[in-house]
Protein backbone atom coordinates (compact mmCIF):
# COMPACT_ATOMS: atom_id res chain seq x y z
CA MET A 1 5.35 30.73 -21.33
CA PRO A 2 8.20 29.11 -23.33
CA ARG A 3 7.12 26.36 -25.71
CA VAL A 4 9.02 23.62 -23.84
CA LEU A 5 7.19 24.40 -20.61
CA ALA A 6 3.82 24.94 -22.26
CA LEU A 7 4.15 21.38 -23.56
CA LEU A 8 5.76 19.96 -20.45
CA PRO A 9 3.33 17.01 -20.36
CA LEU A 10 5.14 15.79 -23.46
CA LEU A 11 8.38 15.71 -21.45
CA LEU A 12 6.95 13.06 -19.17
CA ALA A 13 6.87 9.94 -21.30
CA ALA A 14 9.95 8.79 -19.43
CA ALA A 15 7.49 7.57 -16.83
CA LEU A 16 6.81 4.70 -19.22
CA SER A 17 10.33 3.52 -19.87
CA THR A 18 11.87 0.24 -18.79
CA VAL A 19 13.68 -2.68 -20.39
CA ALA A 20 12.18 -6.00 -21.47
CA PRO A 21 14.33 -9.14 -21.09
CA ALA A 22 15.63 -10.59 -24.34
CA GLY A 23 13.20 -13.09 -25.79
CA ALA A 24 10.29 -11.84 -23.68
CA GLU A 25 6.98 -10.63 -25.03
CA PRO A 26 7.05 -6.88 -25.84
CA LEU A 27 6.28 -4.81 -22.76
CA ARG A 28 3.43 -2.29 -23.06
CA LEU A 29 2.83 0.42 -20.45
CA ARG A 30 0.55 3.42 -20.13
CA THR A 31 0.61 6.63 -18.09
CA ASN A 32 -2.10 9.31 -17.87
CA TYR A 33 -1.77 12.83 -16.49
CA THR A 34 -4.31 15.45 -15.50
CA ILE A 35 -3.29 19.11 -15.80
CA SER A 36 -4.72 21.84 -13.59
CA LEU A 37 -4.19 25.58 -13.19
CA ILE A 38 -4.88 27.02 -9.71
CA GLY A 39 -6.80 23.82 -9.02
CA LEU A 40 -9.01 23.97 -12.13
CA PRO A 41 -8.73 21.27 -14.86
CA VAL A 42 -7.19 22.62 -18.08
CA GLY A 43 -5.76 19.59 -19.89
CA ARG A 44 -4.85 15.92 -20.06
CA ALA A 45 -2.03 13.81 -21.46
CA GLU A 46 -1.55 10.13 -22.21
CA PHE A 47 1.58 8.14 -23.05
CA ARG A 48 2.02 4.61 -24.36
CA THR A 49 5.30 2.73 -24.52
CA ARG A 50 6.42 -0.48 -26.20
CA ILE A 51 9.71 -2.14 -25.25
CA ASP A 52 10.87 -5.01 -27.44
CA GLY A 53 14.29 -6.38 -26.55
CA GLN A 54 16.75 -3.49 -26.79
CA ARG A 55 14.41 -1.24 -28.79
CA TYR A 56 11.82 1.15 -27.42
CA ASP A 57 9.24 3.57 -28.73
CA VAL A 58 6.99 6.02 -26.91
CA SER A 59 4.02 8.00 -28.18
CA GLY A 60 2.08 10.67 -26.34
CA THR A 61 -0.89 12.98 -26.81
CA LEU A 62 -1.79 16.25 -25.12
CA SER A 63 -5.05 18.19 -25.27
CA SER A 64 -6.60 21.13 -23.50
CA ALA A 65 -9.73 20.41 -21.50
CA GLY A 66 -12.23 21.98 -19.15
CA LEU A 67 -12.16 25.75 -18.82
CA ALA A 68 -9.07 26.01 -21.03
CA GLU A 69 -11.14 24.94 -24.05
CA LEU A 70 -13.22 28.11 -23.64
CA VAL A 71 -10.14 30.29 -24.02
CA SER A 72 -7.61 28.39 -26.16
CA SER A 73 -7.70 24.99 -27.87
CA THR A 74 -4.43 23.03 -27.92
CA ARG A 75 -3.67 19.57 -29.34
CA GLY A 76 -0.29 17.89 -29.52
CA THR A 77 1.39 14.59 -30.32
CA SER A 78 4.93 13.47 -29.66
CA SER A 79 6.97 10.32 -30.15
CA VAL A 80 10.47 8.99 -29.65
CA SER A 81 12.21 5.78 -30.66
CA GLY A 82 15.66 4.44 -29.96
CA ARG A 83 17.66 1.75 -28.26
CA VAL A 84 18.60 0.75 -24.74
CA ARG A 85 22.29 0.66 -23.87
CA GLY A 86 23.17 -0.22 -20.29
CA ASP A 87 21.27 2.10 -17.97
CA ARG A 88 20.49 4.67 -20.67
CA LEU A 89 17.84 5.25 -23.28
CA LEU A 90 19.54 6.52 -26.43
CA ALA A 91 16.99 8.32 -28.58
CA GLU A 92 17.43 8.13 -32.34
CA ARG A 93 14.30 9.96 -33.57
CA TYR A 94 12.14 12.45 -31.69
CA LYS A 95 9.07 14.13 -33.20
CA LEU A 96 6.65 16.74 -31.93
CA ALA A 97 3.61 18.33 -33.59
CA TYR A 98 1.03 20.59 -32.02
CA THR A 99 -1.59 23.19 -32.81
CA SER A 100 -2.85 26.04 -30.67
CA ASP A 101 -5.50 28.54 -31.70
CA GLY A 102 -5.25 27.46 -35.33
CA LYS A 103 -1.45 27.80 -35.54
CA SER A 104 0.77 24.73 -36.01
CA TRP A 105 4.35 23.82 -35.13
CA SER A 106 6.40 20.66 -35.68
CA SER A 107 9.88 19.35 -34.92
CA ASP A 108 11.72 16.30 -36.28
CA LEU A 109 14.95 15.62 -34.39
CA ARG A 110 17.56 12.96 -35.19
CA LEU A 111 20.20 11.91 -32.69
CA ARG A 112 23.19 9.60 -32.50
CA SER A 113 24.64 8.69 -29.06
CA GLY A 114 23.28 11.91 -27.56
CA ARG A 115 24.53 14.15 -30.35
CA VAL A 116 22.08 15.90 -32.67
CA SER A 117 22.65 14.72 -36.26
CA GLY A 118 19.79 16.60 -37.92
CA VAL A 119 16.69 18.66 -37.20
CA ASP A 120 13.75 20.00 -39.22
CA VAL A 121 11.23 22.44 -37.75
CA ALA A 122 8.14 24.12 -39.14
CA PRO A 123 7.53 26.93 -39.61
CA PRO A 124 11.22 27.55 -40.46
CA ALA A 125 13.28 29.96 -38.38
CA ARG A 126 12.88 33.63 -39.23
CA THR A 127 15.50 35.09 -41.57
CA PRO A 128 17.09 37.31 -40.55
CA ALA A 129 16.71 36.35 -36.91
CA PRO A 130 15.42 38.97 -34.46
CA ALA A 131 18.19 41.11 -32.95
CA ASP A 132 17.64 39.65 -29.47
CA PHE A 133 17.65 35.98 -30.60
CA ILE A 134 20.37 33.73 -29.11
CA PRO A 135 21.26 31.16 -31.82
CA VAL A 136 22.01 27.52 -31.04
CA LYS A 137 25.70 26.62 -31.48
CA PRO A 138 26.78 23.17 -32.74
CA ALA A 139 28.84 22.59 -29.59
CA GLU A 140 25.66 22.96 -27.50
CA LEU A 141 24.12 19.96 -29.30
CA ALA A 142 26.96 17.51 -28.70
CA ALA A 143 25.39 15.96 -25.59
CA VAL A 144 21.64 16.50 -25.16
CA VAL A 145 18.48 14.64 -24.20
CA ASP A 146 15.15 14.82 -25.97
CA PRO A 147 12.08 16.02 -24.04
CA LEU A 148 10.45 12.57 -23.99
CA SER A 149 13.07 10.08 -22.81
CA GLY A 150 15.22 12.77 -21.15
CA LEU A 151 13.43 12.55 -17.80
CA MET A 152 14.12 8.85 -17.36
CA ILE A 153 16.69 8.56 -14.58
CA LYS A 154 18.34 5.42 -13.19
CA PRO A 155 20.33 6.83 -10.28
CA GLY A 156 21.71 3.70 -8.61
CA LYS A 157 20.70 5.19 -5.25
CA PRO A 158 17.51 7.27 -4.80
CA GLU A 159 19.44 9.99 -2.96
CA ASP A 160 21.52 10.60 -6.10
CA LEU A 161 18.52 11.11 -8.37
CA CYS A 162 18.37 14.90 -8.03
CA ARG A 163 22.13 15.50 -8.30
CA ARG A 164 22.36 16.15 -12.06
CA THR A 165 21.60 18.65 -14.81
CA LEU A 166 19.37 17.72 -17.75
CA PRO A 167 20.54 19.28 -21.08
CA VAL A 168 17.23 19.41 -23.01
CA PHE A 169 16.78 20.19 -26.73
CA ASP A 170 13.44 20.01 -28.57
CA GLY A 171 14.54 21.19 -32.02
CA TRP A 172 14.10 24.87 -31.21
CA THR A 173 15.37 25.67 -27.73
CA ARG A 174 18.36 24.41 -25.77
CA LEU A 175 17.94 24.70 -22.00
CA ASP A 176 19.37 23.19 -18.83
CA LEU A 177 17.32 21.88 -15.92
CA PRO A 178 19.66 21.65 -12.89
CA LEU A 179 18.09 19.29 -10.34
CA SER A 180 18.65 19.54 -6.59
CA PRO A 181 17.21 17.41 -3.72
CA ALA A 182 14.01 18.64 -2.03
CA GLY A 183 12.97 15.69 0.17
CA THR A 184 10.22 13.12 -0.35
CA LYS A 185 6.41 13.25 -0.54
CA PRO A 186 3.77 10.49 -0.34
CA VAL A 187 1.92 9.67 -3.57
CA ARG A 188 -0.95 7.30 -4.31
CA THR A 189 -2.27 6.68 -7.82
CA GLU A 190 -3.16 3.73 -10.05
CA GLY A 191 0.10 1.80 -10.52
CA PHE A 192 2.01 3.35 -7.58
CA ALA A 193 1.67 4.05 -3.86
CA GLY A 194 4.62 5.21 -1.77
CA ASP A 195 7.14 8.01 -1.37
CA ALA A 196 8.16 10.09 -4.36
CA VAL A 197 11.60 11.73 -4.56
CA VAL A 198 11.15 15.48 -4.98
CA CYS A 199 13.62 17.47 -7.07
CA SER A 200 13.73 21.24 -7.30
CA THR A 201 14.87 22.95 -10.49
CA THR A 202 14.91 26.25 -12.36
CA VAL A 203 14.93 26.89 -16.10
CA ARG A 204 18.32 27.97 -17.45
CA PRO A 205 18.00 28.94 -21.11
CA VAL A 206 21.15 28.24 -23.13
CA SER A 207 20.23 29.16 -26.71
CA GLY A 208 17.44 29.13 -29.28
CA TYR A 209 15.38 31.79 -27.51
CA ARG A 210 14.72 35.53 -27.47
CA THR A 211 16.00 37.51 -24.52
CA SER A 212 12.82 39.61 -24.65
CA SER A 213 10.61 36.55 -23.97
CA ASN A 214 8.16 37.49 -21.22
CA GLY A 215 7.74 33.86 -20.27
CA LEU A 216 11.45 33.38 -19.66
CA LYS A 217 11.69 36.65 -17.77
CA PHE A 218 8.92 35.51 -15.44
CA LEU A 219 10.44 32.07 -14.88
CA ARG A 220 13.97 33.22 -14.10
CA GLY A 221 14.73 32.12 -10.56
CA LYS A 222 11.29 30.55 -10.10
CA ARG A 223 11.25 27.12 -8.44
CA ILE A 224 9.81 24.14 -10.34
CA GLU A 225 9.10 20.86 -8.55
CA LEU A 226 9.49 17.44 -10.17
CA TRP A 227 8.30 14.42 -8.17
CA PHE A 228 9.87 11.13 -9.26
CA ALA A 229 8.49 7.67 -8.47
CA PRO A 230 10.10 4.28 -9.18
CA VAL A 231 8.81 2.39 -12.21
CA ARG A 232 8.09 -0.97 -10.58
CA ASP A 233 11.34 -2.79 -9.73
CA THR A 234 13.41 -1.54 -12.70
CA GLY A 235 15.53 0.96 -10.75
CA ILE A 236 14.20 3.66 -13.08
CA TYR A 237 12.56 6.81 -11.69
CA ALA A 238 10.19 9.06 -13.64
CA PRO A 239 7.89 12.05 -12.97
CA VAL A 240 4.64 11.37 -11.18
CA ARG A 241 3.89 15.03 -10.42
CA VAL A 242 5.13 18.43 -11.66
CA ARG A 243 4.44 21.91 -10.31
CA ILE A 244 5.29 24.98 -12.42
CA PRO A 245 4.67 28.61 -11.41
CA THR A 246 2.79 30.81 -13.89
CA GLU A 247 1.70 34.43 -13.80
CA VAL A 248 -1.87 33.41 -12.87
CA GLY A 249 -0.99 30.65 -10.39
CA PRO A 250 0.61 27.19 -10.19
CA LEU A 251 0.26 24.76 -13.10
CA THR A 252 0.19 21.18 -11.81
CA LEU A 253 0.52 17.87 -13.63
CA SER A 254 -0.47 14.77 -11.67
CA ALA A 255 -0.38 11.14 -12.77
CA SER A 256 -3.80 9.52 -12.48
CA ARG A 257 -2.24 6.31 -13.85
CA PHE A 258 1.51 5.71 -13.53
CA ALA A 259 3.35 3.18 -15.70
CA ALA A 260 0.58 0.62 -15.40
CA PRO A 261 0.27 -2.33 -17.82
CA ASP A 262 -1.55 -1.31 -21.00
CA ALA A 263 -4.44 -3.60 -21.80
């Protein structure tokens, strides 16, 4: 499975994002996710957000759990900070670090108004690159979203939420997630009870990947579901549930606590 999808819980910190009125006490929120594969628990994720005036920062953790710990141990952390401008979160610094089976990876991404201004990854890219590697072009980084705050959507009208394409970049891979409407579904969890807006999407790799990737070959044309719920009365929608097909069965992320006040 591609790295971005293997760490998809770290894409979901947008569920925490909102704007605090000027002069108000900093707003602190928390969201927790459980991760299951064919109905069996395999991981958990937690995100905490602080909004202070027009500044925001989000931090998240991911860990394998349950049966997954018997096969492969994974731990990850991610964070993003930036500013709020109008209806958008403009990330300025995005960081990701994770380990799996004793191997480690990290990404440090800097952005300015949606454009990538610098990136450091470890381990460094292979030189020379494999023959089937599609390199990232500068023009493909002129308007991107980071994996953390990129899933925050303020559509104006709920029916417009799924009519957009998300241009995601994590420091390694550039991919598009074209959203399309797929109805509504009822959801009940701590912090939210009501109808979620369901978006359907597929993974469209742009660059920064190998064409021989088995994970990408499997996912081509496969349908991914993203369920979005409103974050209180902010007009912002964020993922409350995600369903991703895998070769052994569906991987599901469900919010056990959704954008609730953090004690």
